[in-house]
N, C-alpha and C. Protein backbone atom coordinates (compact mmCIF):
# COMPACT_ATOMS: atom_id res chain seq x y z
N UNK A 1 -219.86 198.45 -153.88
CA UNK A 1 -218.90 197.57 -154.49
C UNK A 1 -219.45 196.15 -154.47
N UNK A 2 -218.93 195.31 -155.34
CA UNK A 2 -219.41 193.94 -155.41
C UNK A 2 -218.98 193.16 -154.17
N UNK A 3 -219.73 192.12 -153.85
CA UNK A 3 -219.47 191.32 -152.66
C UNK A 3 -218.10 190.69 -152.70
N UNK A 4 -217.68 190.14 -153.83
CA UNK A 4 -216.38 189.48 -153.93
C UNK A 4 -215.24 190.48 -153.72
N UNK A 5 -215.39 191.68 -154.26
CA UNK A 5 -214.36 192.72 -154.08
C UNK A 5 -214.28 193.14 -152.60
N UNK A 6 -215.43 193.31 -151.97
CA UNK A 6 -215.46 193.65 -150.54
C UNK A 6 -214.78 192.56 -149.71
N UNK A 7 -215.07 191.31 -150.05
CA UNK A 7 -214.48 190.18 -149.32
C UNK A 7 -212.96 190.18 -149.44
N UNK A 8 -212.46 190.38 -150.65
CA UNK A 8 -211.00 190.39 -150.85
C UNK A 8 -210.34 191.53 -150.10
N UNK A 9 -210.95 192.69 -150.09
CA UNK A 9 -210.38 193.84 -149.38
C UNK A 9 -210.35 193.65 -147.87
N UNK A 10 -211.28 192.84 -147.35
CA UNK A 10 -211.38 192.66 -145.90
C UNK A 10 -210.82 191.33 -145.43
N UNK A 11 -210.15 190.59 -146.31
CA UNK A 11 -209.52 189.34 -145.92
C UNK A 11 -210.49 188.21 -145.64
N UNK A 12 -211.63 188.23 -146.29
CA UNK A 12 -212.66 187.20 -146.12
C UNK A 12 -212.78 186.46 -147.45
N UNK A 13 -212.91 185.15 -147.37
CA UNK A 13 -213.11 184.39 -148.60
C UNK A 13 -214.48 184.76 -149.19
N UNK A 14 -214.57 184.90 -150.51
CA UNK A 14 -215.85 185.29 -151.12
C UNK A 14 -217.00 184.34 -150.79
N UNK A 15 -216.72 183.04 -150.66
CA UNK A 15 -217.79 182.10 -150.31
C UNK A 15 -218.30 182.34 -148.90
N UNK A 16 -217.39 182.71 -147.99
CA UNK A 16 -217.81 183.03 -146.63
C UNK A 16 -218.68 184.28 -146.62
N UNK A 17 -218.27 185.29 -147.40
CA UNK A 17 -219.08 186.51 -147.48
C UNK A 17 -220.46 186.21 -148.06
N UNK A 18 -220.53 185.34 -149.07
CA UNK A 18 -221.82 184.98 -149.65
C UNK A 18 -222.68 184.23 -148.63
N UNK A 19 -222.06 183.35 -147.85
CA UNK A 19 -222.80 182.64 -146.80
C UNK A 19 -223.33 183.62 -145.77
N UNK A 20 -222.49 184.60 -145.39
CA UNK A 20 -222.95 185.63 -144.45
C UNK A 20 -224.15 186.38 -145.01
N UNK A 21 -224.10 186.70 -146.31
CA UNK A 21 -225.22 187.41 -146.93
C UNK A 21 -226.48 186.57 -146.90
N UNK A 22 -226.37 185.29 -147.24
CA UNK A 22 -227.54 184.39 -147.22
C UNK A 22 -228.12 184.26 -145.82
N UNK A 23 -227.23 184.19 -144.81
CA UNK A 23 -227.69 184.02 -143.43
C UNK A 23 -228.12 185.33 -142.78
N UNK A 24 -227.83 186.45 -143.45
CA UNK A 24 -228.18 187.75 -142.89
C UNK A 24 -227.24 188.22 -141.79
N UNK A 25 -225.99 187.76 -141.81
CA UNK A 25 -225.04 188.13 -140.76
C UNK A 25 -223.90 189.00 -141.29
N UNK A 26 -224.12 189.66 -142.41
CA UNK A 26 -223.07 190.54 -142.96
C UNK A 26 -222.81 191.69 -141.99
N UNK A 27 -221.53 192.06 -141.76
CA UNK A 27 -221.24 193.16 -140.86
C UNK A 27 -221.52 194.53 -141.45
N UNK A 28 -221.78 194.59 -142.75
CA UNK A 28 -222.12 195.85 -143.43
C UNK A 28 -223.39 195.62 -144.25
N UNK A 29 -224.11 196.70 -144.58
CA UNK A 29 -225.33 196.52 -145.38
C UNK A 29 -225.00 196.04 -146.79
N UNK A 30 -225.80 195.09 -147.28
CA UNK A 30 -225.64 194.57 -148.64
C UNK A 30 -227.03 194.33 -149.22
N UNK A 31 -227.11 194.42 -150.55
CA UNK A 31 -228.41 194.25 -151.21
C UNK A 31 -228.21 193.53 -152.54
N UNK A 32 -229.17 192.69 -152.92
CA UNK A 32 -229.08 192.01 -154.21
C UNK A 32 -229.58 192.91 -155.34
N UNK A 33 -228.98 192.79 -156.49
CA UNK A 33 -229.44 193.50 -157.69
C UNK A 33 -230.14 192.49 -158.60
N UNK A 34 -230.99 192.95 -159.52
CA UNK A 34 -231.75 192.04 -160.36
C UNK A 34 -230.93 190.98 -161.11
N UNK A 35 -229.76 191.30 -161.68
CA UNK A 35 -229.07 190.23 -162.42
C UNK A 35 -228.42 189.18 -161.52
N UNK A 36 -228.54 189.31 -160.20
CA UNK A 36 -227.95 188.33 -159.29
C UNK A 36 -226.68 188.82 -158.61
N UNK A 37 -226.25 190.02 -158.92
CA UNK A 37 -225.07 190.60 -158.29
C UNK A 37 -225.44 191.10 -156.90
N UNK A 38 -224.53 190.92 -155.95
CA UNK A 38 -224.76 191.42 -154.60
C UNK A 38 -223.84 192.63 -154.40
N UNK A 39 -224.44 193.76 -154.05
CA UNK A 39 -223.69 194.99 -153.83
C UNK A 39 -223.59 195.26 -152.33
N UNK A 40 -222.40 195.60 -151.90
CA UNK A 40 -222.16 195.96 -150.50
C UNK A 40 -222.14 197.47 -150.42
N UNK A 41 -222.92 198.03 -149.51
CA UNK A 41 -222.99 199.48 -149.34
C UNK A 41 -221.93 199.91 -148.33
N UNK A 42 -220.88 200.52 -148.83
CA UNK A 42 -219.82 201.02 -147.97
C UNK A 42 -219.81 202.53 -148.12
N UNK A 43 -220.30 203.22 -147.12
CA UNK A 43 -220.42 204.68 -147.17
C UNK A 43 -219.09 205.33 -146.86
N UNK A 44 -218.58 206.12 -147.78
CA UNK A 44 -217.37 206.90 -147.54
C UNK A 44 -216.11 206.08 -147.38
N UNK A 45 -216.06 204.89 -147.91
CA UNK A 45 -214.87 204.06 -147.79
C UNK A 45 -214.95 203.15 -146.58
N UNK A 46 -214.13 202.14 -146.60
CA UNK A 46 -214.12 201.16 -145.53
C UNK A 46 -213.31 201.70 -144.37
N UNK A 47 -213.89 201.80 -143.20
CA UNK A 47 -213.21 202.37 -142.04
C UNK A 47 -212.85 201.32 -141.00
N UNK A 48 -212.93 200.06 -141.34
CA UNK A 48 -212.56 199.02 -140.39
C UNK A 48 -211.05 198.91 -140.32
N UNK A 49 -210.56 198.34 -139.23
CA UNK A 49 -209.15 198.08 -139.10
C UNK A 49 -208.43 199.14 -138.30
N UNK A 50 -207.16 198.92 -138.13
CA UNK A 50 -206.33 199.84 -137.38
C UNK A 50 -205.12 200.22 -138.22
N UNK A 51 -204.57 201.36 -137.92
CA UNK A 51 -203.32 201.78 -138.54
C UNK A 51 -202.29 201.86 -137.43
N UNK A 52 -201.22 201.11 -137.58
CA UNK A 52 -200.15 201.10 -136.59
C UNK A 52 -198.89 201.60 -137.28
N UNK A 53 -198.25 202.59 -136.68
CA UNK A 53 -196.99 203.12 -137.19
C UNK A 53 -195.87 202.43 -136.43
N UNK A 54 -194.93 201.81 -137.17
CA UNK A 54 -193.79 201.15 -136.55
C UNK A 54 -192.52 201.76 -137.12
N UNK A 55 -191.65 202.23 -136.25
CA UNK A 55 -190.39 202.82 -136.67
C UNK A 55 -189.29 202.28 -135.76
N UNK A 56 -188.10 202.06 -136.33
CA UNK A 56 -187.00 201.59 -135.50
C UNK A 56 -185.68 202.11 -136.06
N UNK A 57 -184.71 202.19 -135.19
CA UNK A 57 -183.35 202.53 -135.56
C UNK A 57 -182.43 201.51 -134.92
N UNK A 58 -181.18 201.43 -135.42
CA UNK A 58 -180.30 200.36 -134.98
C UNK A 58 -179.47 200.70 -133.75
N UNK A 59 -179.44 201.95 -133.32
CA UNK A 59 -178.66 202.28 -132.13
C UNK A 59 -179.26 203.47 -131.41
N UNK A 60 -178.86 203.62 -130.15
CA UNK A 60 -179.36 204.73 -129.34
C UNK A 60 -178.87 206.06 -129.89
N UNK A 61 -177.73 206.05 -130.55
CA UNK A 61 -177.19 207.27 -131.13
C UNK A 61 -178.13 207.89 -132.17
N UNK A 62 -179.03 207.10 -132.70
CA UNK A 62 -179.93 207.57 -133.74
C UNK A 62 -181.31 207.92 -133.20
N UNK A 63 -181.41 208.24 -131.92
CA UNK A 63 -182.71 208.57 -131.32
C UNK A 63 -183.37 209.75 -132.04
N UNK A 64 -182.59 210.75 -132.40
CA UNK A 64 -183.16 211.89 -133.13
C UNK A 64 -183.71 211.44 -134.48
N UNK A 65 -183.03 210.51 -135.13
CA UNK A 65 -183.53 209.97 -136.39
C UNK A 65 -184.85 209.23 -136.19
N UNK A 66 -184.94 208.53 -135.06
CA UNK A 66 -186.18 207.81 -134.76
C UNK A 66 -187.33 208.79 -134.58
N UNK A 67 -187.09 209.88 -133.86
CA UNK A 67 -188.14 210.88 -133.67
C UNK A 67 -188.58 211.50 -134.99
N UNK A 68 -187.63 211.80 -135.86
CA UNK A 68 -187.96 212.36 -137.18
C UNK A 68 -188.73 211.35 -138.02
N UNK A 69 -188.29 210.09 -137.94
CA UNK A 69 -188.96 209.04 -138.72
C UNK A 69 -190.40 208.85 -138.24
N UNK A 70 -190.61 208.82 -136.94
CA UNK A 70 -191.96 208.68 -136.39
C UNK A 70 -192.83 209.86 -136.81
N UNK A 71 -192.29 211.05 -136.72
CA UNK A 71 -193.06 212.24 -137.10
C UNK A 71 -193.46 212.20 -138.58
N UNK A 72 -192.52 211.82 -139.44
CA UNK A 72 -192.79 211.78 -140.87
C UNK A 72 -193.82 210.71 -141.22
N UNK A 73 -193.65 209.51 -140.67
CA UNK A 73 -194.57 208.42 -140.99
C UNK A 73 -195.96 208.68 -140.39
N UNK A 74 -196.00 209.25 -139.19
CA UNK A 74 -197.29 209.55 -138.56
C UNK A 74 -198.03 210.62 -139.35
N UNK A 75 -197.31 211.63 -139.83
CA UNK A 75 -197.94 212.67 -140.65
C UNK A 75 -198.53 212.07 -141.92
N UNK A 76 -197.80 211.14 -142.54
CA UNK A 76 -198.32 210.49 -143.74
C UNK A 76 -199.53 209.62 -143.41
N UNK A 77 -199.45 208.83 -142.33
CA UNK A 77 -200.52 207.90 -141.99
C UNK A 77 -201.80 208.63 -141.58
N UNK A 78 -201.69 209.75 -140.88
CA UNK A 78 -202.89 210.46 -140.47
C UNK A 78 -203.59 211.12 -141.66
N UNK A 79 -202.88 211.33 -142.75
CA UNK A 79 -203.52 211.83 -143.96
C UNK A 79 -204.41 210.77 -144.59
N UNK A 80 -204.11 209.50 -144.29
CA UNK A 80 -204.90 208.38 -144.85
C UNK A 80 -205.99 207.97 -143.88
N UNK A 81 -205.64 207.70 -142.59
CA UNK A 81 -206.57 207.23 -141.57
C UNK A 81 -206.09 207.68 -140.20
N UNK A 82 -206.90 207.42 -139.19
CA UNK A 82 -206.50 207.69 -137.81
C UNK A 82 -205.48 206.65 -137.37
N UNK A 83 -204.44 207.09 -136.70
CA UNK A 83 -203.40 206.19 -136.22
C UNK A 83 -203.82 205.66 -134.86
N UNK A 84 -203.79 204.34 -134.71
CA UNK A 84 -204.20 203.70 -133.48
C UNK A 84 -203.05 203.53 -132.51
N UNK A 85 -201.89 203.11 -133.00
CA UNK A 85 -200.73 202.85 -132.15
C UNK A 85 -199.48 203.37 -132.84
N UNK A 86 -198.50 203.78 -132.04
CA UNK A 86 -197.18 204.12 -132.54
C UNK A 86 -196.18 203.25 -131.78
N UNK A 87 -195.49 202.39 -132.51
CA UNK A 87 -194.51 201.49 -131.92
C UNK A 87 -193.12 201.92 -132.35
N UNK A 88 -192.21 202.00 -131.41
CA UNK A 88 -190.83 202.36 -131.73
C UNK A 88 -189.90 201.33 -131.12
N UNK A 89 -188.69 201.26 -131.67
CA UNK A 89 -187.71 200.31 -131.18
C UNK A 89 -186.33 200.91 -131.32
N UNK A 90 -185.58 200.85 -130.25
CA UNK A 90 -184.18 201.27 -130.26
C UNK A 90 -183.29 200.05 -130.09
N UNK A 91 -182.10 200.09 -130.68
CA UNK A 91 -181.09 199.04 -130.50
C UNK A 91 -181.59 197.68 -130.94
N UNK A 92 -182.39 197.62 -131.96
CA UNK A 92 -182.92 196.33 -132.38
C UNK A 92 -181.83 195.43 -132.96
N UNK A 93 -180.74 196.02 -133.43
CA UNK A 93 -179.65 195.22 -133.99
C UNK A 93 -178.93 194.39 -132.93
N UNK A 94 -179.01 194.80 -131.68
CA UNK A 94 -178.35 194.04 -130.63
C UNK A 94 -178.93 192.64 -130.52
N UNK A 95 -180.18 192.47 -130.88
CA UNK A 95 -180.85 191.20 -130.76
C UNK A 95 -180.94 190.46 -132.08
N UNK A 96 -180.46 191.04 -133.15
CA UNK A 96 -180.52 190.40 -134.46
C UNK A 96 -181.78 190.78 -135.21
N UNK A 97 -181.72 190.65 -136.52
CA UNK A 97 -182.86 191.04 -137.36
C UNK A 97 -184.09 190.19 -137.10
N UNK A 98 -183.91 188.88 -136.97
CA UNK A 98 -185.07 188.01 -136.77
C UNK A 98 -185.78 188.33 -135.46
N UNK A 99 -185.00 188.55 -134.38
CA UNK A 99 -185.61 188.87 -133.09
C UNK A 99 -186.36 190.20 -133.16
N UNK A 100 -185.79 191.18 -133.84
CA UNK A 100 -186.47 192.47 -133.97
C UNK A 100 -187.76 192.32 -134.77
N UNK A 101 -187.71 191.53 -135.83
CA UNK A 101 -188.93 191.32 -136.63
C UNK A 101 -189.98 190.58 -135.81
N UNK A 102 -189.55 189.60 -135.01
CA UNK A 102 -190.50 188.87 -134.16
C UNK A 102 -191.13 189.79 -133.13
N UNK A 103 -190.33 190.66 -132.50
CA UNK A 103 -190.87 191.59 -131.51
C UNK A 103 -191.87 192.53 -132.16
N UNK A 104 -191.54 192.99 -133.35
CA UNK A 104 -192.45 193.91 -134.05
C UNK A 104 -193.75 193.20 -134.40
N UNK A 105 -193.67 191.98 -134.90
CA UNK A 105 -194.91 191.27 -135.26
C UNK A 105 -195.74 190.95 -134.02
N UNK A 106 -195.09 190.62 -132.89
CA UNK A 106 -195.84 190.38 -131.66
C UNK A 106 -196.51 191.65 -131.17
N UNK A 107 -195.83 192.79 -131.30
CA UNK A 107 -196.40 194.06 -130.86
C UNK A 107 -197.60 194.44 -131.73
N UNK A 108 -197.49 194.23 -133.03
CA UNK A 108 -198.60 194.54 -133.92
C UNK A 108 -199.77 193.60 -133.64
N UNK A 109 -199.48 192.31 -133.41
CA UNK A 109 -200.54 191.36 -133.09
C UNK A 109 -201.23 191.73 -131.78
N UNK A 110 -200.45 192.16 -130.79
CA UNK A 110 -201.05 192.57 -129.51
C UNK A 110 -201.91 193.81 -129.69
N UNK A 111 -201.45 194.75 -130.51
CA UNK A 111 -202.23 195.97 -130.74
C UNK A 111 -203.52 195.65 -131.48
N UNK A 112 -203.45 194.73 -132.41
CA UNK A 112 -204.63 194.33 -133.16
C UNK A 112 -205.63 193.60 -132.29
N UNK A 113 -205.11 192.78 -131.37
CA UNK A 113 -206.00 192.02 -130.48
C UNK A 113 -206.53 192.86 -129.34
N UNK A 114 -205.97 194.04 -129.14
CA UNK A 114 -206.42 194.91 -128.07
C UNK A 114 -205.82 194.58 -126.72
N UNK A 115 -204.66 193.89 -126.72
CA UNK A 115 -204.02 193.50 -125.46
C UNK A 115 -203.23 194.64 -124.83
N UNK A 116 -202.95 195.69 -125.59
CA UNK A 116 -202.17 196.79 -125.04
C UNK A 116 -203.07 197.69 -124.21
N UNK A 117 -202.53 198.30 -123.14
CA UNK A 117 -203.35 199.20 -122.31
C UNK A 117 -203.73 200.46 -123.03
């Protein structure tokens, strides 16, 4: 795939990716083509990143629903990639929507940073 497309898919600015290519610090193999296009060799698709499954219900009474939801979403996610973390939340409504969203984003950030055991 082209360097700019690879950069957009991986959240890197295309100019940064081009600088990496010039400096020889690209995290994946890349090669120049005669017309000046830079091709990134990604074998079998891009496997970087993590997949985190997050499921929540609004009350403890819905615990069975949470288990079904986790099973369904995990089955779908494993068909796409390996699941790294499964995060669940019960009674999130007790703390309000914003607090639940903040807790979820902190949990995903911690999982991405590798802070979880």
